[in-house]
Every structure is written in structure tokens, then in C-alpha cells.
């Protein structure tokens, strides 16, 4: 009798392992690319990036010191994190890895923390949530897209106009070559823009809006992402994207 119970328990244990299946094939194909880019970015930032000669960093990156162009870019990194939040907070209902933690950290550290999420996001929940809570309705609203549009375009206009009037572009070039924080931040912003279409395309499939022609427009760095958040259809109640 004891042997029969042991066999049954062993069978239940093996079944539970099989049910918790991780899509290794998916993880080892596109997601491996994100892991390689992340490691490469870390190595470059700590080993090969220009050594800091000016002393500007996260705690003292003031407008009067670094100028309007660099200051605008510094704030656009945080704005890009908000653009990611408008999709990843919804996506977190479906993924085993809680993406919202990475998004909040990305407001300060950008792709340094988002890239590991991209590498791990292929694991799905067995029973994802489908209800649109009040928070999801806010994230999914067109109003949020419009607010982010005003924020981003306000920053862009300030940076371009103030930078041109003050002749700050040459100063920004100096910061890029002589200040490690500005150098890494610029590359970080470029990566944030480069990989945003990945979550846009998944979000379009979540909404049954698979239009490659329009998707190309949404791939335009920064501006395309803003346009997507305004134009995307509202998420249907109970709709979950699982593949």
C-alpha cells in the first residue's frame, strides 16, 4: 500500500513539473539577443565608455550646469520609461515575470534594468488575469497617450529651441565625449527607442490590430511610440494575448 502511494505521489510530482513548462525554444531564440545586448552594454559602460572628466552624474545633472540639450535628454529617458509602462503594465497580467518592477526601476536606470526583462518575458502565466481594473483602464486610455504626447513634445521643443538659441549643441558633444554619464545616457536612450517597437507589436496583436504598414510608422523613434498610445484601440474586456 505504501509503495502504491509513493508511486501516486511521484506521478503527481512529475505531472506538476510538466505543467509548469518554460518555453526554452522561445527563450533561446529572440530573447537571447536581449541578454547579449544587455551584457555588451554593461561591459561597454563599465570598461570602454569614456572616463568622466567633468564630474556630472545622476545627483547633480542640473539644467544650469549641463545645458538644455543634455538636460532634455536626461528627462526624455524618464519619459520613455513612462511609454514602456503604458504597455508593460498591461502585459504584466499575462507574464510570469512582473514587468512593472522593471519599468519603475527603468525610470532611473533605463535599459540597464529593462533588458533583463526582455530576456525573461517569454514565460507566461498559466491563469492570467482578464479583468480591466480601474488602473488598467487608466493605462489603456487615450488620455494617457495625449498627456505623454504633451510631455514629450514639450521637452523636445524646449531642448531644440533652447539648445539652438544658446548654441548648446557643441557643449553637448563635449559632454558626450568627456562625461561618462552623458555618454552612457545617450546610448541608453537610443536603446530605449530601438526596442520599444518590440512591445508595440505584441500590444497590437493583443488588440487584434496586426497592420504592418501602420506598425512601420510606430517604429519612428519616440514620436511613433507616442502616436501608437493615442491611436491604439482600447483593450477588450477579458482579452488576453498568449502567444
C-alpha atoms as a PDB file:
ATOM      1  CA  UNK A   1       0.000   0.000   0.000  1.00  0.00           C
ATOM      2  CA  UNK A   2       2.843   2.307   0.887  1.00  0.00           C
ATOM      3  CA  UNK A   3       4.529   1.635  -2.468  1.00  0.00           C
ATOM      4  CA  UNK A   4       1.316   2.458  -4.326  1.00  0.00           C
ATOM      5  CA  UNK A   5       1.001   5.792  -2.505  1.00  0.00           C
ATOM      6  CA  UNK A   6       4.640   6.584  -3.260  1.00  0.00           C
ATOM      7  CA  UNK A   7       4.040   5.861  -6.943  1.00  0.00           C
ATOM      8  CA  UNK A   8       0.957   8.090  -6.980  1.00  0.00           C
ATOM      9  CA  UNK A   9       2.793  10.958  -5.266  1.00  0.00           C
ATOM     10  CA  UNK A  10       5.700  10.560  -7.671  1.00  0.00           C
ATOM     11  CA  UNK A  11       3.282  10.668 -10.595  1.00  0.00           C
ATOM     12  CA  UNK A  12       1.630  13.844  -9.280  1.00  0.00           C
ATOM     13  CA  UNK A  13       5.041  15.463  -8.784  1.00  0.00           C
ATOM     14  CA  UNK A  14       6.148  14.663 -12.343  1.00  0.00           C
ATOM     15  CA  UNK A  15       2.829  15.927 -13.713  1.00  0.00           C
ATOM     16  CA  UNK A  16       3.189  19.230 -11.850  1.00  0.00           C
ATOM     17  CA  UNK A  17       6.671  19.683 -13.308  1.00  0.00           C
ATOM     18  CA  UNK A  18       5.377  19.081 -16.829  1.00  0.00           C
ATOM     19  CA  UNK A  19       2.542  21.568 -16.351  1.00  0.00           C
ATOM     20  CA  UNK A  20       4.988  24.305 -15.330  1.00  0.00           C
ATOM     21  CA  UNK A  21       6.631  24.378 -18.734  1.00  0.00           C
ATOM     22  CA  UNK A  22       9.066  27.117 -19.677  1.00  0.00           C
ATOM     23  CA  UNK A  23       9.285  27.797 -23.450  1.00  0.00           C
ATOM     24  CA  UNK A  24      13.028  27.220 -23.728  1.00  0.00           C
ATOM     25  CA  UNK A  25      12.880  27.359 -27.521  1.00  0.00           C
ATOM     26  CA  UNK A  26      11.416  30.865 -27.381  1.00  0.00           C
ATOM     27  CA  UNK A  27      13.844  31.895 -24.661  1.00  0.00           C
ATOM     28  CA  UNK A  28      16.906  30.700 -26.563  1.00  0.00           C
ATOM     29  CA  UNK A  29      15.983  32.357 -29.874  1.00  0.00           C
ATOM     30  CA  UNK A  30      14.921  36.025 -29.839  1.00  0.00           C
ATOM     31  CA  UNK A  31      15.267  36.573 -26.088  1.00  0.00           C
ATOM     32  CA  UNK A  32      18.898  35.505 -26.100  1.00  0.00           C
ATOM     33  CA  UNK A  33      19.594  38.546 -28.262  1.00  0.00           C
ATOM     34  CA  UNK A  34      18.399  40.865 -25.479  1.00  0.00           C
ATOM     35  CA  UNK A  35      20.626  39.096 -22.985  1.00  0.00           C
ATOM     36  CA  UNK A  36      23.650  39.506 -25.275  1.00  0.00           C
ATOM     37  CA  UNK A  37      22.889  43.192 -25.851  1.00  0.00           C
ATOM     38  CA  UNK A  38      22.445  43.716 -22.097  1.00  0.00           C
ATOM     39  CA  UNK A  39      25.781  42.111 -21.227  1.00  0.00           C
ATOM     40  CA  UNK A  40      27.504  44.022 -24.030  1.00  0.00           C
ATOM     41  CA  UNK A  41      26.003  47.300 -22.792  1.00  0.00           C
ATOM     42  CA  UNK A  42      27.153  46.590 -19.235  1.00  0.00           C
ATOM     43  CA  UNK A  43      30.685  45.749 -20.349  1.00  0.00           C
ATOM     44  CA  UNK A  44      30.890  48.835 -22.545  1.00  0.00           C
ATOM     45  CA  UNK A  45      29.544  51.116 -19.804  1.00  0.00           C
ATOM     46  CA  UNK A  46      31.959  49.942 -17.126  1.00  0.00           C
ATOM     47  CA  UNK A  47      35.042  49.195 -19.229  1.00  0.00           C
ATOM     48  CA  UNK A  48      35.138  51.034 -22.545  1.00  0.00           C
ATOM     49  CA  UNK A  49      32.969  54.145 -22.071  1.00  0.00           C
ATOM     50  CA  UNK A  50      34.895  57.456 -21.827  1.00  0.00           C
ATOM     51  CA  UNK A  51      36.249  58.185 -18.369  1.00  0.00           C
ATOM     52  CA  UNK A  52      34.481  61.000 -16.563  1.00  0.00           C
ATOM     53  CA  UNK A  53      36.378  64.292 -16.705  1.00  0.00           C
ATOM     54  CA  UNK A  54      33.599  66.726 -15.730  1.00  0.00           C
ATOM     55  CA  UNK A  55      32.004  65.243 -12.624  1.00  0.00           C
ATOM     56  CA  UNK A  56      28.354  65.371 -13.692  1.00  0.00           C
ATOM     57  CA  UNK A  57      26.166  62.454 -12.611  1.00  0.00           C
ATOM     58  CA  UNK A  58      22.654  61.430 -11.656  1.00  0.00           C
ATOM     59  CA  UNK A  59      22.615  63.539  -8.486  1.00  0.00           C
ATOM     60  CA  UNK A  60      23.927  66.812  -9.939  1.00  0.00           C
ATOM     61  CA  UNK A  61      22.638  66.861 -13.526  1.00  0.00           C
ATOM     62  CA  UNK A  62      21.180  70.380 -13.269  1.00  0.00           C
ATOM     63  CA  UNK A  63      19.986  72.475 -16.227  1.00  0.00           C
ATOM     64  CA  UNK A  64      22.320  75.387 -15.418  1.00  0.00           C
ATOM     65  CA  UNK A  65      25.345  73.078 -15.408  1.00  0.00           C
ATOM     66  CA  UNK A  66      24.817  70.694 -18.331  1.00  0.00           C
ATOM     67  CA  UNK A  67      22.723  72.898 -20.631  1.00  0.00           C
ATOM     68  CA  UNK A  68      19.271  72.429 -22.202  1.00  0.00           C
ATOM     69  CA  UNK A  69      20.155  69.662 -24.695  1.00  0.00           C
ATOM     70  CA  UNK A  70      21.661  67.226 -22.195  1.00  0.00           C
ATOM     71  CA  UNK A  71      19.044  68.120 -19.578  1.00  0.00           C
ATOM     72  CA  UNK A  72      16.241  67.434 -22.075  1.00  0.00           C
ATOM     73  CA  UNK A  73      17.750  64.063 -22.987  1.00  0.00           C
ATOM     74  CA  UNK A  74      18.042  63.207 -19.292  1.00  0.00           C
ATOM     75  CA  UNK A  75      14.295  63.799 -18.853  1.00  0.00           C
ATOM     76  CA  UNK A  76      13.385  62.021 -22.087  1.00  0.00           C
ATOM     77  CA  UNK A  77      14.896  58.820 -20.675  1.00  0.00           C
ATOM     78  CA  UNK A  78      12.311  59.014 -17.888  1.00  0.00           C
ATOM     79  CA  UNK A  79       9.581  59.833 -20.412  1.00  0.00           C
ATOM     80  CA  UNK A  80      10.497  56.735 -22.428  1.00  0.00           C
ATOM     81  CA  UNK A  81      10.108  54.652 -19.269  1.00  0.00           C
ATOM     82  CA  UNK A  82       6.548  56.006 -18.995  1.00  0.00           C
ATOM     83  CA  UNK A  83       5.887  54.953 -22.601  1.00  0.00           C
ATOM     84  CA  UNK A  84       7.049  51.444 -21.737  1.00  0.00           C
ATOM     85  CA  UNK A  85       4.852  51.495 -18.622  1.00  0.00           C
ATOM     86  CA  UNK A  86       1.744  52.170 -20.742  1.00  0.00           C
ATOM     87  CA  UNK A  87       2.239  48.752 -22.369  1.00  0.00           C
ATOM     88  CA  UNK A  88       4.175  46.639 -19.875  1.00  0.00           C
ATOM     89  CA  UNK A  89       1.754  47.311 -17.002  1.00  0.00           C
ATOM     90  CA  UNK A  90      -0.917  45.682 -19.194  1.00  0.00           C
ATOM     91  CA  UNK A  91       1.445  42.943 -20.312  1.00  0.00           C
ATOM     92  CA  UNK A  92       2.264  42.076 -16.694  1.00  0.00           C
ATOM     93  CA  UNK A  93      -1.187  40.493 -16.369  1.00  0.00           C
ATOM     94  CA  UNK A  94      -0.054  37.763 -18.758  1.00  0.00           C
ATOM     95  CA  UNK A  95       3.647  37.241 -17.997  1.00  0.00           C
ATOM     96  CA  UNK A  96       5.155  35.223 -15.187  1.00  0.00           C
ATOM     97  CA  UNK A  97       7.805  37.921 -14.634  1.00  0.00           C
ATOM     98  CA  UNK A  98       6.243  41.088 -13.061  1.00  0.00           C
ATOM     99  CA  UNK A  99       7.225  43.716 -15.614  1.00  0.00           C
ATOM    100  CA  UNK A 100       6.024  46.678 -13.562  1.00  0.00           C
ATOM    101  CA  UNK A 101       9.012  46.287 -11.215  1.00  0.00           C
ATOM    102  CA  UNK A 102      11.419  46.664 -14.126  1.00  0.00           C
ATOM    103  CA  UNK A 103       9.522  49.644 -15.546  1.00  0.00           C
ATOM    104  CA  UNK A 104       9.650  51.553 -12.266  1.00  0.00           C
ATOM    105  CA  UNK A 105      13.382  50.881 -11.988  1.00  0.00           C
ATOM    106  CA  UNK A 106      13.828  51.935 -15.633  1.00  0.00           C
ATOM    107  CA  UNK A 107      12.776  55.491 -14.748  1.00  0.00           C
ATOM    108  CA  UNK A 108      16.164  55.812 -13.103  1.00  0.00           C
ATOM    109  CA  UNK A 109      18.275  53.194 -14.854  1.00  0.00           C
ATOM    110  CA  UNK A 110      16.748  52.829 -18.333  1.00  0.00           C
ATOM    111  CA  UNK A 111      17.731  49.786 -20.370  1.00  0.00           C
ATOM    112  CA  UNK A 112      20.108  48.581 -17.674  1.00  0.00           C
ATOM    113  CA  UNK A 113      17.058  47.055 -15.958  1.00  0.00           C
ATOM    114  CA  UNK A 114      14.628  46.716 -18.881  1.00  0.00           C
ATOM    115  CA  UNK A 115      16.906  44.490 -20.955  1.00  0.00           C
ATOM    116  CA  UNK A 116      16.819  41.610 -18.427  1.00  0.00           C
ATOM    117  CA  UNK A 117      13.011  41.823 -18.533  1.00  0.00           C
ATOM    118  CA  UNK A 118      13.065  41.458 -22.312  1.00  0.00           C
ATOM    119  CA  UNK A 119      15.234  38.370 -21.905  1.00  0.00           C
ATOM    120  CA  UNK A 120      12.834  36.785 -19.376  1.00  0.00           C
ATOM    121  CA  UNK A 121       9.415  37.912 -20.556  1.00  0.00           C
ATOM    122  CA  UNK A 122       8.745  34.757 -22.623  1.00  0.00           C
ATOM    123  CA  UNK A 123       7.402  32.855 -19.594  1.00  0.00           C
ATOM    124  CA  UNK A 124       3.595  33.069 -19.413  1.00  0.00           C
ATOM    125  CA  UNK A 125       1.198  32.766 -16.510  1.00  0.00           C
ATOM    126  CA  UNK A 126      -0.997  29.651 -16.524  1.00  0.00           C
ATOM    127  CA  UNK A 127      -4.062  31.623 -15.403  1.00  0.00           C
ATOM    128  CA  UNK A 128      -3.607  35.258 -16.471  1.00  0.00           C
ATOM    129  CA  UNK A 129      -5.904  37.979 -15.198  1.00  0.00           C
ATOM    130  CA  UNK A 130      -8.501  39.225 -17.672  1.00  0.00           C
ATOM    131  CA  UNK A 131     -10.462  41.851 -15.769  1.00  0.00           C
ATOM    132  CA  UNK A 132      -9.836  45.505 -16.648  1.00  0.00           C
ATOM    133  CA  UNK A 133      -9.299  47.166 -13.289  1.00  0.00           C
ATOM    134  CA  UNK A 134      -9.533  50.939 -12.853  1.00  0.00           C
ATOM    135  CA  UNK A 135      -5.747  51.114 -13.048  1.00  0.00           C
ATOM    136  CA  UNK A 136      -5.614  49.176 -16.329  1.00  0.00           C
ATOM    137  CA  UNK A 137      -8.354  51.429 -17.729  1.00  0.00           C
ATOM    138  CA  UNK A 138      -6.212  54.489 -16.960  1.00  0.00           C
ATOM    139  CA  UNK A 139      -3.110  52.901 -18.517  1.00  0.00           C
ATOM    140  CA  UNK A 140      -5.164  51.843 -21.544  1.00  0.00           C
ATOM    141  CA  UNK A 141      -6.858  55.225 -22.007  1.00  0.00           C
ATOM    142  CA  UNK A 142      -6.222  57.579 -24.905  1.00  0.00           C
ATOM    143  CA  UNK A 143      -5.982  60.386 -22.341  1.00  0.00           C
ATOM    144  CA  UNK A 144      -2.721  58.943 -21.035  1.00  0.00           C
ATOM    145  CA  UNK A 145      -1.315  58.932 -24.568  1.00  0.00           C
ATOM    146  CA  UNK A 146      -2.276  62.583 -25.022  1.00  0.00           C
ATOM    147  CA  UNK A 147      -0.683  63.557 -21.686  1.00  0.00           C
ATOM    148  CA  UNK A 148       2.546  61.773 -22.618  1.00  0.00           C
ATOM    149  CA  UNK A 149       2.392  63.455 -26.044  1.00  0.00           C
ATOM    150  CA  UNK A 150       2.299  66.891 -24.420  1.00  0.00           C
ATOM    151  CA  UNK A 151       5.116  65.972 -22.042  1.00  0.00           C
ATOM    152  CA  UNK A 152       7.426  64.585 -24.718  1.00  0.00           C
ATOM    153  CA  UNK A 153       6.804  67.316 -27.292  1.00  0.00           C
ATOM    154  CA  UNK A 154       7.215  69.971 -24.616  1.00  0.00           C
ATOM    155  CA  UNK A 155      10.604  68.546 -23.710  1.00  0.00           C
ATOM    156  CA  UNK A 156      11.615  68.226 -27.366  1.00  0.00           C
ATOM    157  CA  UNK A 157      10.628  71.792 -28.178  1.00  0.00           C
ATOM    158  CA  UNK A 158      12.468  73.126 -25.151  1.00  0.00           C
ATOM    159  CA  UNK A 159      15.621  71.161 -25.948  1.00  0.00           C
ATOM    160  CA  UNK A 160      15.690  72.101 -29.629  1.00  0.00           C
ATOM    161  CA  UNK A 161      14.772  75.769 -29.237  1.00  0.00           C
ATOM    162  CA  UNK A 162      16.818  76.491 -26.103  1.00  0.00           C
ATOM    163  CA  UNK A 163      19.735  74.433 -27.380  1.00  0.00           C
ATOM    164  CA  UNK A 164      19.750  76.325 -30.683  1.00  0.00           C
ATOM    165  CA  UNK A 165      19.377  79.781 -29.130  1.00  0.00           C
ATOM    166  CA  UNK A 166      22.140  79.145 -26.593  1.00  0.00           C
ATOM    167  CA  UNK A 167      24.366  77.298 -29.060  1.00  0.00           C
ATOM    168  CA  UNK A 168      24.402  74.320 -26.720  1.00  0.00           C
ATOM    169  CA  UNK A 169      24.888  71.544 -29.279  1.00  0.00           C
ATOM    170  CA  UNK A 170      28.678  71.846 -29.230  1.00  0.00           C
ATOM    171  CA  UNK A 171      28.583  71.717 -25.431  1.00  0.00           C
ATOM    172  CA  UNK A 172      26.505  68.541 -25.599  1.00  0.00           C
ATOM    173  CA  UNK A 173      29.099  66.992 -27.940  1.00  0.00           C
ATOM    174  CA  UNK A 174      31.761  67.786 -25.344  1.00  0.00           C
ATOM    175  CA  UNK A 175      29.656  66.215 -22.605  1.00  0.00           C
ATOM    176  CA  UNK A 176      29.173  63.106 -24.739  1.00  0.00           C
ATOM    177  CA  UNK A 177      32.924  62.604 -25.169  1.00  0.00           C
ATOM    178  CA  UNK A 178      34.130  63.743 -21.746  1.00  0.00           C
ATOM    179  CA  UNK A 179      31.336  62.841 -19.309  1.00  0.00           C
ATOM    180  CA  UNK A 180      30.646  59.129 -18.864  1.00  0.00           C
ATOM    181  CA  UNK A 181      27.129  59.702 -17.510  1.00  0.00           C
ATOM    182  CA  UNK A 182      26.058  61.704 -20.592  1.00  0.00           C
ATOM    183  CA  UNK A 183      27.740  59.212 -22.911  1.00  0.00           C
ATOM    184  CA  UNK A 184      26.014  56.175 -21.381  1.00  0.00           C
ATOM    185  CA  UNK A 185      22.698  58.018 -21.029  1.00  0.00           C
ATOM    186  CA  UNK A 186      22.694  58.856 -24.752  1.00  0.00           C
ATOM    187  CA  UNK A 187      23.283  55.228 -25.707  1.00  0.00           C
ATOM    188  CA  UNK A 188      20.668  54.137 -23.171  1.00  0.00           C
ATOM    189  CA  UNK A 189      18.080  56.467 -24.718  1.00  0.00           C
ATOM    190  CA  UNK A 190      18.904  55.111 -28.185  1.00  0.00           C
ATOM    191  CA  UNK A 191      18.333  51.535 -26.964  1.00  0.00           C
ATOM    192  CA  UNK A 192      15.039  52.524 -25.312  1.00  0.00           C
ATOM    193  CA  UNK A 193      13.828  53.884 -28.661  1.00  0.00           C
ATOM    194  CA  UNK A 194      15.234  50.938 -30.631  1.00  0.00           C
ATOM    195  CA  UNK A 195      13.471  48.214 -28.635  1.00  0.00           C
ATOM    196  CA  UNK A 196      10.147  49.942 -27.998  1.00  0.00           C
ATOM    197  CA  UNK A 197       8.619  48.557 -31.245  1.00  0.00           C
ATOM    198  CA  UNK A 198       9.011  45.058 -29.735  1.00  0.00           C
ATOM    199  CA  UNK A 199       6.380  45.752 -27.088  1.00  0.00           C
ATOM    200  CA  UNK A 200       4.299  47.812 -29.542  1.00  0.00           C
ATOM    201  CA  UNK A 201       3.942  44.849 -31.911  1.00  0.00           C
ATOM    202  CA  UNK A 202       2.951  42.486 -29.090  1.00  0.00           C
ATOM    203  CA  UNK A 203       0.411  45.037 -27.874  1.00  0.00           C
ATOM    204  CA  UNK A 204      -1.013  45.374 -31.398  1.00  0.00           C
ATOM    205  CA  UNK A 205      -1.512  41.593 -31.550  1.00  0.00           C
ATOM    206  CA  UNK A 206      -3.154  41.728 -28.121  1.00  0.00           C
ATOM    207  CA  UNK A 207      -5.722  44.103 -29.663  1.00  0.00           C
ATOM    208  CA  UNK A 208      -6.111  42.138 -32.940  1.00  0.00           C
ATOM    209  CA  UNK A 209      -4.570  45.093 -34.804  1.00  0.00           C
ATOM    210  CA  UNK A 210      -1.962  43.381 -36.994  1.00  0.00           C
ATOM    211  CA  UNK A 211      -1.225  46.082 -39.563  1.00  0.00           C
ATOM    212  CA  UNK A 212       2.396  46.021 -40.724  1.00  0.00           C
ATOM    213  CA  UNK A 213       2.048  49.263 -42.694  1.00  0.00           C
ATOM    214  CA  UNK A 214       0.931  51.248 -39.659  1.00  0.00           C
ATOM    215  CA  UNK A 215       3.465  49.431 -37.482  1.00  0.00           C
ATOM    216  CA  UNK A 216       6.290  50.897 -39.581  1.00  0.00           C
ATOM    217  CA  UNK A 217       5.079  54.384 -38.623  1.00  0.00           C
ATOM    218  CA  UNK A 218       5.032  53.420 -34.950  1.00  0.00           C
ATOM    219  CA  UNK A 219       8.684  52.356 -35.258  1.00  0.00           C
ATOM    220  CA  UNK A 220       9.755  56.006 -35.662  1.00  0.00           C
ATOM    221  CA  UNK A 221      11.843  56.686 -32.533  1.00  0.00           C
ATOM    222  CA  UNK A 222       9.930  58.382 -29.719  1.00  0.00           C
ATOM    223  CA  UNK A 223       7.302  60.049 -31.924  1.00  0.00           C
ATOM    224  CA  UNK A 224       5.981  56.735 -33.267  1.00  0.00           C
ATOM    225  CA  UNK A 225       5.512  55.393 -29.751  1.00  0.00           C
ATOM    226  CA  UNK A 226       3.515  58.455 -28.728  1.00  0.00           C
ATOM    227  CA  UNK A 227       1.306  58.159 -31.818  1.00  0.00           C
ATOM    228  CA  UNK A 228       0.672  54.492 -31.028  1.00  0.00           C
ATOM    229  CA  UNK A 229      -0.539  55.182 -27.488  1.00  0.00           C
ATOM    230  CA  UNK A 230      -3.023  57.707 -28.864  1.00  0.00           C
ATOM    231  CA  UNK A 231      -4.197  55.675 -31.860  1.00  0.00           C
ATOM    232  CA  UNK A 232      -4.357  52.129 -30.441  1.00  0.00           C
ATOM    233  CA  UNK A 233      -7.813  50.564 -29.997  1.00  0.00           C
ATOM    234  CA  UNK A 234      -8.990  50.103 -26.439  1.00  0.00           C
ATOM    235  CA  UNK A 235      -8.255  46.719 -24.901  1.00  0.00           C
ATOM    236  CA  UNK A 236     -11.363  44.500 -24.952  1.00  0.00           C
ATOM    237  CA  UNK A 237     -12.676  43.232 -21.617  1.00  0.00           C
ATOM    238  CA  UNK A 238     -11.299  39.760 -20.931  1.00  0.00           C
ATOM    239  CA  UNK A 239      -8.840  39.843 -23.849  1.00  0.00           C
ATOM    240  CA  UNK A 240      -5.518  38.114 -23.169  1.00  0.00           C
ATOM    241  CA  UNK A 241      -2.643  37.719 -25.592  1.00  0.00           C
ATOM    242  CA  UNK A 242      -0.974  34.362 -25.021  1.00  0.00           C
ATOM    243  CA  UNK A 243       1.312  33.722 -27.974  1.00  0.00           C
END
